[in-house]
Amino acid sequence: GYLDCRVINAMDGGDMTCFLAEVVDGKTLSQGEPLWWRDARRKLPPEWLERWENKQSSEIATSRATMDKISRTPWQPRG
């Protein structure tokens, strides 16, 4: 499926950008069940899961170090 969204705000999350958006359109392209992360994890090969856990640990450490430096200035679209 897909969602078409209008960005309301983009917030600096240090190691990421978080978007607040209004959904203006969307469509379901399949009637199947969604693949939830909690279910997908159980299907990953052990070495992939280990790589994911290492990546997450590193990203969490970076987020903790930069969390208090996040700008709270409202986002303004360019142009």
N, C-alpha and C. Protein backbone atom coordinates (compact mmCIF):
# COMPACT_ATOMS: atom_id res chain seq x y z
N GLY A 1 0.81 -1.18 0.00
CA GLY A 1 0.00 0.00 0.00
C GLY A 1 0.86 1.25 0.00
N TYR A 2 0.20 2.37 0.09
CA TYR A 2 0.93 3.63 0.14
C TYR A 2 0.11 4.67 0.89
N LEU A 3 0.80 5.69 1.36
CA LEU A 3 0.18 6.87 1.96
C LEU A 3 0.75 8.10 1.26
N ASP A 4 -0.10 9.05 0.94
CA ASP A 4 0.33 10.35 0.42
C ASP A 4 0.10 11.32 1.57
N CYS A 5 1.15 12.00 2.00
CA CYS A 5 1.07 12.84 3.19
C CYS A 5 1.55 14.25 2.92
N ARG A 6 1.00 15.19 3.68
CA ARG A 6 1.45 16.58 3.67
C ARG A 6 2.24 16.79 4.95
N VAL A 7 3.50 17.18 4.81
CA VAL A 7 4.35 17.38 5.98
C VAL A 7 3.88 18.60 6.76
N ILE A 8 3.64 18.41 8.04
CA ILE A 8 3.25 19.50 8.92
C ILE A 8 4.46 20.03 9.66
N ASN A 9 5.35 19.12 10.07
CA ASN A 9 6.55 19.53 10.79
C ASN A 9 7.62 18.47 10.58
N ALA A 10 8.86 18.90 10.51
CA ALA A 10 10.02 18.01 10.47
C ALA A 10 10.89 18.38 11.66
N MET A 11 11.18 17.40 12.48
CA MET A 11 11.91 17.67 13.72
C MET A 11 13.25 16.97 13.70
N ASP A 12 14.30 17.71 14.06
CA ASP A 12 15.65 17.16 14.11
C ASP A 12 15.74 16.23 15.31
N GLY A 13 15.98 14.97 15.04
CA GLY A 13 16.12 13.99 16.10
C GLY A 13 17.56 13.61 16.35
N GLY A 14 18.49 14.47 15.96
CA GLY A 14 19.91 14.17 16.17
C GLY A 14 20.43 13.27 15.07
N ASP A 15 20.17 11.97 15.20
CA ASP A 15 20.63 11.02 14.19
C ASP A 15 19.52 10.64 13.21
N MET A 16 18.42 11.39 13.26
CA MET A 16 17.29 11.11 12.36
C MET A 16 16.45 12.37 12.24
N THR A 17 15.54 12.39 11.29
CA THR A 17 14.54 13.44 11.17
C THR A 17 13.18 12.81 11.37
N CYS A 18 12.39 13.37 12.28
CA CYS A 18 11.04 12.86 12.55
C CYS A 18 10.04 13.77 11.84
N PHE A 19 9.10 13.18 11.14
CA PHE A 19 8.10 13.94 10.41
C PHE A 19 6.73 13.77 11.03
N LEU A 20 6.02 14.89 11.18
CA LEU A 20 4.61 14.89 11.55
C LEU A 20 3.88 15.24 10.27
N ALA A 21 2.93 14.40 9.87
CA ALA A 21 2.29 14.61 8.58
C ALA A 21 0.80 14.34 8.66
N GLU A 22 0.07 14.99 7.77
CA GLU A 22 -1.36 14.74 7.59
C GLU A 22 -1.50 13.79 6.40
N VAL A 23 -2.20 12.70 6.61
CA VAL A 23 -2.44 11.75 5.52
C VAL A 23 -3.55 12.32 4.65
N VAL A 24 -3.26 12.54 3.36
CA VAL A 24 -4.25 13.11 2.44
C VAL A 24 -4.81 12.07 1.47
N ASP A 25 -4.12 10.95 1.33
CA ASP A 25 -4.59 9.88 0.44
C ASP A 25 -3.84 8.61 0.79
N GLY A 26 -4.39 7.50 0.41
CA GLY A 26 -3.73 6.23 0.63
C GLY A 26 -4.52 5.11 0.01
N LYS A 27 -3.86 3.99 -0.14
CA LYS A 27 -4.54 2.86 -0.76
C LYS A 27 -3.92 1.56 -0.26
N THR A 28 -4.76 0.59 0.00
CA THR A 28 -4.31 -0.75 0.31
C THR A 28 -4.17 -1.50 -1.00
N LEU A 29 -2.99 -2.04 -1.26
CA LEU A 29 -2.74 -2.73 -2.52
C LEU A 29 -2.81 -4.25 -2.38
N SER A 30 -2.94 -4.73 -1.16
CA SER A 30 -3.00 -6.17 -0.93
C SER A 30 -3.89 -6.43 0.27
N GLN A 31 -4.60 -7.52 0.24
CA GLN A 31 -5.48 -7.86 1.36
C GLN A 31 -4.78 -8.75 2.39
N GLY A 32 -3.50 -9.04 2.17
CA GLY A 32 -2.75 -9.87 3.11
C GLY A 32 -2.53 -9.16 4.44
N GLU A 33 -2.10 -9.92 5.40
CA GLU A 33 -1.79 -9.37 6.71
C GLU A 33 -0.49 -8.56 6.64
N PRO A 34 -0.41 -7.45 7.38
CA PRO A 34 0.84 -6.70 7.41
C PRO A 34 1.94 -7.51 8.11
N LEU A 35 3.17 -7.25 7.74
CA LEU A 35 4.30 -7.90 8.39
C LEU A 35 4.76 -6.99 9.53
N TRP A 36 4.47 -7.38 10.73
CA TRP A 36 4.87 -6.61 11.91
C TRP A 36 6.31 -6.95 12.27
N TRP A 37 7.04 -5.97 12.79
CA TRP A 37 8.44 -6.18 13.14
C TRP A 37 8.59 -7.31 14.15
N ARG A 38 7.71 -7.39 15.12
CA ARG A 38 7.82 -8.45 16.14
C ARG A 38 7.74 -9.84 15.49
N ASP A 39 7.00 -9.97 14.41
CA ASP A 39 6.90 -11.25 13.71
C ASP A 39 8.08 -11.46 12.75
N ALA A 40 8.50 -10.39 12.09
CA ALA A 40 9.62 -10.49 11.15
C ALA A 40 10.90 -10.90 11.86
N ARG A 41 11.10 -10.40 13.07
CA ARG A 41 12.31 -10.73 13.84
C ARG A 41 12.48 -12.24 13.99
N ARG A 42 11.37 -12.92 14.22
CA ARG A 42 11.42 -14.38 14.42
C ARG A 42 11.82 -15.13 13.16
N LYS A 43 11.69 -14.47 12.01
CA LYS A 43 11.99 -15.12 10.73
C LYS A 43 13.40 -14.80 10.21
N LEU A 44 14.09 -13.88 10.87
CA LEU A 44 15.42 -13.49 10.42
C LEU A 44 16.45 -14.55 10.76
N PRO A 45 17.44 -14.74 9.88
CA PRO A 45 18.56 -15.62 10.24
C PRO A 45 19.28 -15.04 11.46
N PRO A 46 19.81 -15.88 12.34
CA PRO A 46 20.47 -15.39 13.56
C PRO A 46 21.55 -14.34 13.30
N GLU A 47 22.34 -14.50 12.23
CA GLU A 47 23.41 -13.53 11.98
C GLU A 47 22.84 -12.16 11.59
N TRP A 48 21.71 -12.12 10.90
CA TRP A 48 21.07 -10.85 10.55
C TRP A 48 20.53 -10.18 11.81
N LEU A 49 19.93 -10.97 12.67
CA LEU A 49 19.37 -10.43 13.90
C LEU A 49 20.49 -9.86 14.79
N GLU A 50 21.62 -10.55 14.84
CA GLU A 50 22.75 -10.06 15.62
C GLU A 50 23.25 -8.73 15.05
N ARG A 51 23.36 -8.64 13.72
CA ARG A 51 23.78 -7.37 13.09
C ARG A 51 22.80 -6.26 13.41
N TRP A 52 21.49 -6.57 13.36
CA TRP A 52 20.46 -5.58 13.68
C TRP A 52 20.59 -5.10 15.12
N GLU A 53 20.76 -6.04 16.05
CA GLU A 53 20.88 -5.67 17.46
C GLU A 53 22.11 -4.79 17.70
N ASN A 54 23.22 -5.10 17.05
CA ASN A 54 24.42 -4.27 17.18
C ASN A 54 24.18 -2.87 16.62
N LYS A 55 23.52 -2.80 15.48
CA LYS A 55 23.20 -1.51 14.86
C LYS A 55 22.30 -0.70 15.79
N GLN A 56 21.28 -1.33 16.34
CA GLN A 56 20.35 -0.64 17.23
C GLN A 56 21.05 -0.13 18.48
N SER A 57 21.93 -0.94 19.06
CA SER A 57 22.66 -0.52 20.26
C SER A 57 23.48 0.74 19.98
N SER A 58 24.13 0.76 18.83
CA SER A 58 24.93 1.93 18.45
C SER A 58 24.04 3.15 18.25
N GLU A 59 22.90 2.97 17.57
CA GLU A 59 22.01 4.10 17.32
C GLU A 59 21.37 4.63 18.60
N ILE A 60 21.05 3.74 19.53
CA ILE A 60 20.49 4.18 20.81
C ILE A 60 21.52 5.00 21.57
N ALA A 61 22.77 4.57 21.57
CA ALA A 61 23.82 5.33 22.24
C ALA A 61 23.97 6.72 21.62
N THR A 62 23.94 6.80 20.30
CA THR A 62 24.03 8.09 19.61
C THR A 62 22.84 8.97 19.96
N SER A 63 21.66 8.40 19.97
CA SER A 63 20.45 9.16 20.30
C SER A 63 20.51 9.71 21.72
N ARG A 64 20.95 8.90 22.65
CA ARG A 64 21.06 9.38 24.05
C ARG A 64 22.03 10.54 24.16
N ALA A 65 23.11 10.48 23.39
CA ALA A 65 24.12 11.53 23.44
C ALA A 65 23.65 12.83 22.80
N THR A 66 22.71 12.75 21.86
CA THR A 66 22.29 13.95 21.13
C THR A 66 20.87 14.41 21.47
N MET A 67 20.16 13.66 22.27
CA MET A 67 18.75 13.93 22.54
C MET A 67 18.49 15.36 23.07
N ASP A 68 19.34 15.83 23.95
CA ASP A 68 19.11 17.15 24.54
C ASP A 68 19.54 18.29 23.63
N LYS A 69 20.11 17.96 22.48
CA LYS A 69 20.56 18.99 21.54
C LYS A 69 19.56 19.21 20.40
N ILE A 70 18.41 18.57 20.49
CA ILE A 70 17.41 18.66 19.42
C ILE A 70 16.82 20.07 19.37
N SER A 71 16.77 20.64 18.18
CA SER A 71 16.17 21.95 17.99
C SER A 71 14.65 21.83 18.06
N ARG A 72 14.03 22.73 18.79
CA ARG A 72 12.58 22.74 18.89
C ARG A 72 11.96 23.85 18.04
N THR A 73 12.78 24.39 17.14
CA THR A 73 12.31 25.42 16.22
C THR A 73 11.35 24.80 15.21
N PRO A 74 10.16 25.38 15.05
CA PRO A 74 9.21 24.82 14.08
C PRO A 74 9.81 24.79 12.67
N TRP A 75 9.48 23.75 11.95
CA TRP A 75 9.95 23.57 10.58
C TRP A 75 9.21 24.50 9.64
N GLN A 76 9.92 25.04 8.67
CA GLN A 76 9.33 25.88 7.63
C GLN A 76 9.70 25.30 6.29
N PRO A 77 8.73 25.05 5.41
CA PRO A 77 9.07 24.51 4.09
C PRO A 77 9.89 25.52 3.30
N ARG A 78 10.79 25.01 2.48
CA ARG A 78 11.61 25.89 1.63
C ARG A 78 10.84 26.26 0.39
N GLY A 79 11.13 27.48 -0.09
CA GLY A 79 10.55 27.90 -1.37
C GLY A 79 9.30 28.56 -1.20
